[in-house]
Amino acid sequence: MTFDINVIFSHLPEIASGAFVTIVIWIVAALAAAVLGFLVAVARRFGGVLLDRAFGIVIAVLRGTPFLIQIFLVYYGGPFIGLSLNPIPAGVVGLSIYGAAYFSEIFRSGFAAVPKGHIEAGLCVGLTHTQIVRRILLPEMTMLVLPPSLNMTIILMKETAVLSIITVPELTATLSAIGSQQYAFVEALFVLALFYWALVEITGWLGRLAETKLTRFRFFNI
């Protein structure tokens, strides 16, 4: 068996389409997960004991079950509760909810790392909870949550490969089909691995760049 790269070149339009779908789903789901996770963290911080415990149970379930099972439940179990989604929207929703559980814990730990005295000082001068989050918690926790948030974003990117199981036409599904049709499994898997590796490296570089910019911003604004 020889490595025939021409098989890949002859299917570049399909591969490019699959890569585009993968990147779009990843970016949309990662942003939605971060926003939803942040809102959950704020709700747990300021919403009282009952809300904190309720969200804690939901997060424990989401973090304690595989994403594969969750996406099956969203796509195949959704119609039983009136939620009938096409593959791509189901993938975005499932990935967003899965990521939100982890992002909420990242932000919650970031909030906890901010000294209580700073928050008490804000309350003493009459700041509302919204103002405390915006003026105290967010600036102080940003540097703390950036590295784990970057890692979670990369994990979500890799989890897009699971969406092929519900027929989302992303890169894994596309290359798997090409490999089966052309008996070029090695070539297909090589390109798939190279794509994800390149995406991880680019994301890591952007994360380091953002960290450097934030560090300089904080230094010049002390």
Protein backbone atom coordinates (compact mmCIF):
# COMPACT_ATOMS: atom_id res chain seq x y z
CA MET A 1 0.00 0.00 0.00
CA THR A 2 1.42 3.38 -1.07
CA PHE A 3 0.69 6.86 0.17
CA ASP A 4 -1.17 8.62 -2.68
CA ILE A 5 -1.57 12.32 -1.95
CA ASN A 6 -3.32 12.79 -5.30
CA VAL A 7 -6.42 11.31 -3.72
CA ILE A 8 -6.54 14.32 -1.41
CA PHE A 9 -5.88 16.85 -4.17
CA SER A 10 -8.69 15.41 -6.27
CA HIS A 11 -11.16 16.04 -3.44
CA LEU A 12 -10.01 19.48 -2.31
CA PRO A 13 -13.41 21.18 -2.76
CA GLU A 14 -15.14 18.66 -0.47
CA ILE A 15 -12.29 18.85 2.05
CA ALA A 16 -12.38 22.65 2.06
CA SER A 17 -16.14 22.57 2.60
CA GLY A 18 -15.77 20.15 5.51
CA ALA A 19 -13.01 22.26 7.07
CA PHE A 20 -15.16 25.38 6.76
CA VAL A 21 -18.09 23.69 8.51
CA THR A 22 -15.77 22.48 11.28
CA ILE A 23 -14.29 25.93 11.90
CA VAL A 24 -17.66 27.72 11.84
CA ILE A 25 -19.29 25.25 14.25
CA TRP A 26 -16.26 25.43 16.56
CA ILE A 27 -16.12 29.24 16.69
CA VAL A 28 -19.88 29.71 17.15
CA ALA A 29 -20.12 26.98 19.79
CA ALA A 30 -17.02 28.18 21.68
CA LEU A 31 -18.31 31.76 21.84
CA ALA A 32 -21.78 30.61 22.91
CA ALA A 33 -20.28 28.29 25.52
CA ALA A 34 -18.09 31.05 26.96
CA VAL A 35 -20.99 33.52 27.19
CA LEU A 36 -23.37 30.96 28.67
CA GLY A 37 -20.71 29.72 31.08
CA PHE A 38 -20.01 33.26 32.23
CA LEU A 39 -23.71 33.94 32.86
CA VAL A 40 -24.03 30.70 34.83
CA ALA A 41 -20.97 31.61 36.91
CA VAL A 42 -22.42 35.04 37.68
CA ALA A 43 -25.80 33.49 38.57
CA ARG A 44 -24.12 31.04 40.93
CA ARG A 45 -22.10 33.85 42.49
CA PHE A 46 -24.96 36.27 43.11
CA GLY A 47 -28.16 34.21 42.68
CA GLY A 48 -28.34 32.65 46.10
CA VAL A 49 -27.88 29.16 47.50
CA LEU A 50 -30.77 27.49 45.66
CA LEU A 51 -29.67 28.72 42.25
CA ASP A 52 -26.08 27.78 43.00
CA ARG A 53 -27.04 24.24 43.94
CA ALA A 54 -29.40 23.82 40.99
CA PHE A 55 -26.74 24.88 38.49
CA GLY A 56 -24.18 22.80 40.37
CA ILE A 57 -26.22 19.64 39.78
CA VAL A 58 -26.68 20.37 36.07
CA ILE A 59 -22.97 21.10 35.63
CA ALA A 60 -22.02 17.91 37.48
CA VAL A 61 -24.19 15.87 35.09
CA LEU A 62 -22.78 17.57 31.99
CA ARG A 63 -19.18 17.20 33.14
CA GLY A 64 -19.74 13.62 34.29
CA THR A 65 -21.13 12.25 31.02
CA PRO A 66 -19.35 11.85 27.66
CA PHE A 67 -20.06 14.39 24.94
CA LEU A 68 -20.98 11.55 22.59
CA ILE A 69 -23.94 10.62 24.79
CA GLN A 70 -24.99 14.24 25.15
CA ILE A 71 -25.03 14.89 21.40
CA PHE A 72 -27.03 11.69 20.86
CA LEU A 73 -29.60 12.92 23.38
CA VAL A 74 -29.81 16.36 21.76
CA TYR A 75 -30.18 15.04 18.20
CA TYR A 76 -32.11 11.80 18.62
CA GLY A 77 -33.83 12.51 21.94
CA GLY A 78 -34.78 16.10 21.21
CA PRO A 79 -37.91 15.25 19.16
CA PHE A 80 -39.41 13.48 22.20
CA ILE A 81 -39.57 16.86 24.00
CA GLY A 82 -40.44 18.90 20.91
CA LEU A 83 -36.86 19.87 20.03
CA SER A 84 -36.25 18.74 16.45
CA LEU A 85 -32.99 20.09 15.07
CA ASN A 86 -31.05 19.52 11.88
CA PRO A 87 -27.54 18.07 12.30
CA ILE A 88 -25.59 21.35 12.22
CA PRO A 89 -27.82 23.28 14.68
CA ALA A 90 -27.92 20.21 16.92
CA GLY A 91 -24.15 20.07 16.85
CA VAL A 92 -23.80 23.74 17.76
CA VAL A 93 -26.34 23.46 20.59
CA GLY A 94 -24.81 20.28 21.99
CA LEU A 95 -21.26 21.58 21.84
CA SER A 96 -22.29 24.91 23.38
CA ILE A 97 -24.03 23.30 26.34
CA TYR A 98 -21.17 20.87 26.88
CA GLY A 99 -18.58 23.66 26.81
CA ALA A 100 -20.68 25.99 28.99
CA ALA A 101 -20.46 23.53 31.89
CA TYR A 102 -16.67 23.72 31.85
CA PHE A 103 -16.47 27.45 31.15
CA SER A 104 -18.78 28.14 34.10
CA GLU A 105 -16.35 26.36 36.42
CA ILE A 106 -13.41 28.23 34.90
CA PHE A 107 -15.10 31.58 35.49
CA ARG A 108 -16.32 30.54 38.93
CA SER A 109 -12.78 29.70 39.98
CA GLY A 110 -11.64 33.04 38.53
CA PHE A 111 -14.24 34.87 40.61
CA ALA A 112 -13.16 32.95 43.71
CA ALA A 113 -9.54 34.00 43.14
CA VAL A 114 -10.41 37.70 43.42
CA PRO A 115 -9.78 38.87 47.02
CA LYS A 116 -13.02 39.32 48.95
CA GLY A 117 -11.78 42.65 50.26
CA HIS A 118 -11.95 44.12 46.76
CA ILE A 119 -15.60 43.11 46.43
CA GLU A 120 -16.44 44.40 49.91
CA ALA A 121 -14.79 47.69 49.04
CA GLY A 122 -17.00 47.94 45.95
CA LEU A 123 -20.11 47.29 48.03
CA CYS A 124 -19.02 49.90 50.56
CA VAL A 125 -18.84 52.62 47.90
CA GLY A 126 -22.29 51.69 46.59
CA LEU A 127 -21.49 49.63 43.50
CA THR A 128 -24.21 47.28 42.25
CA HIS A 129 -23.56 43.60 41.52
CA THR A 130 -23.37 44.42 37.80
CA GLN A 131 -20.83 47.16 38.41
CA ILE A 132 -18.78 44.90 40.69
CA VAL A 133 -18.63 42.25 37.96
CA ARG A 134 -17.71 44.79 35.27
CA ARG A 135 -15.27 46.97 37.22
CA ILE A 136 -13.70 44.56 39.72
CA LEU A 137 -14.22 40.89 38.95
CA LEU A 138 -13.75 40.93 35.17
CA PRO A 139 -10.50 42.95 35.06
CA GLU A 140 -8.89 41.00 37.90
CA MET A 141 -9.87 37.53 36.79
CA THR A 142 -9.17 37.90 33.05
CA MET A 143 -5.52 36.90 33.26
CA LEU A 144 -6.36 34.01 35.58
CA VAL A 145 -8.98 32.43 33.33
CA LEU A 146 -7.26 32.99 29.98
CA PRO A 147 -5.02 29.86 29.98
CA PRO A 148 -7.76 27.39 31.04
CA SER A 149 -10.24 29.09 28.70
CA LEU A 150 -7.79 28.63 25.84
CA ASN A 151 -7.40 24.95 26.71
CA MET A 152 -11.18 24.52 26.82
CA THR A 153 -11.52 26.20 23.44
CA ILE A 154 -9.02 23.74 21.97
CA ILE A 155 -10.90 20.81 23.54
CA LEU A 156 -14.14 22.02 21.96
CA MET A 157 -12.38 22.23 18.61
CA LYS A 158 -11.32 18.59 18.87
CA GLU A 159 -14.80 17.53 19.98
CA THR A 160 -16.21 18.73 16.65
CA ALA A 161 -14.96 15.42 15.25
CA VAL A 162 -17.64 13.65 17.31
CA LEU A 163 -20.36 15.50 15.37
CA SER A 164 -19.76 13.24 12.40
CA ILE A 165 -21.76 10.62 14.32
CA ILE A 166 -24.96 12.66 13.78
CA THR A 167 -24.14 13.24 10.08
CA VAL A 168 -22.79 16.78 10.42
CA PRO A 169 -20.80 17.33 7.19
CA GLU A 170 -17.66 18.49 8.98
CA LEU A 171 -14.10 17.50 8.12
CA THR A 172 -14.01 14.16 9.93
CA ALA A 173 -17.16 12.96 8.16
CA THR A 174 -15.90 14.26 4.81
CA LEU A 175 -12.47 12.63 5.03
CA SER A 176 -13.94 9.39 6.41
CA ALA A 177 -16.20 9.19 3.35
CA ILE A 178 -13.30 9.89 1.00
CA GLY A 179 -11.17 7.27 2.73
CA SER A 180 -13.92 4.66 2.42
CA GLN A 181 -14.69 5.43 -1.21
CA GLN A 182 -11.07 5.59 -2.38
CA TYR A 183 -9.59 3.06 0.05
CA ALA A 184 -7.28 5.84 1.18
CA PHE A 185 -7.70 5.70 4.93
CA VAL A 186 -4.08 6.59 5.71
CA GLU A 187 -4.15 9.67 3.48
CA ALA A 188 -7.50 10.80 4.89
CA LEU A 189 -6.45 10.37 8.52
CA PHE A 190 -3.12 12.08 7.87
CA VAL A 191 -4.83 15.17 6.47
CA LEU A 192 -7.34 15.15 9.34
CA ALA A 193 -4.58 14.98 11.95
CA LEU A 194 -2.60 17.70 10.16
CA PHE A 195 -5.63 19.99 10.05
CA TYR A 196 -6.36 19.70 13.77
CA TRP A 197 -2.69 20.05 14.68
CA ALA A 198 -2.40 23.25 12.62
CA LEU A 199 -5.59 24.63 14.15
CA VAL A 200 -4.32 23.90 17.67
CA GLU A 201 -1.00 25.62 16.95
CA ILE A 202 -2.73 28.70 15.50
CA THR A 203 -5.11 28.89 18.46
CA GLY A 204 -2.25 28.54 20.92
CA TRP A 205 -0.32 31.31 19.19
CA LEU A 206 -3.33 33.64 19.28
CA GLY A 207 -3.83 32.82 22.96
CA ARG A 208 -0.22 33.66 23.81
CA LEU A 209 -0.54 36.89 21.82
CA ALA A 210 -3.70 37.83 23.74
CA GLU A 211 -2.00 37.06 27.04
CA THR A 212 0.94 39.29 26.14
CA LYS A 213 -1.38 42.15 25.14
CA LEU A 214 -3.41 41.83 28.34
CA THR A 215 -0.27 41.77 30.46
CA ARG A 216 1.00 44.97 28.86
CA PHE A 217 -2.42 46.59 29.21
CA ARG A 218 -2.57 45.80 32.92
CA PHE A 219 1.02 46.95 33.46
CA PHE A 220 0.46 50.35 31.85
CA ASN A 221 -2.87 50.84 33.62
CA ILE A 222 -1.77 50.12 37.18
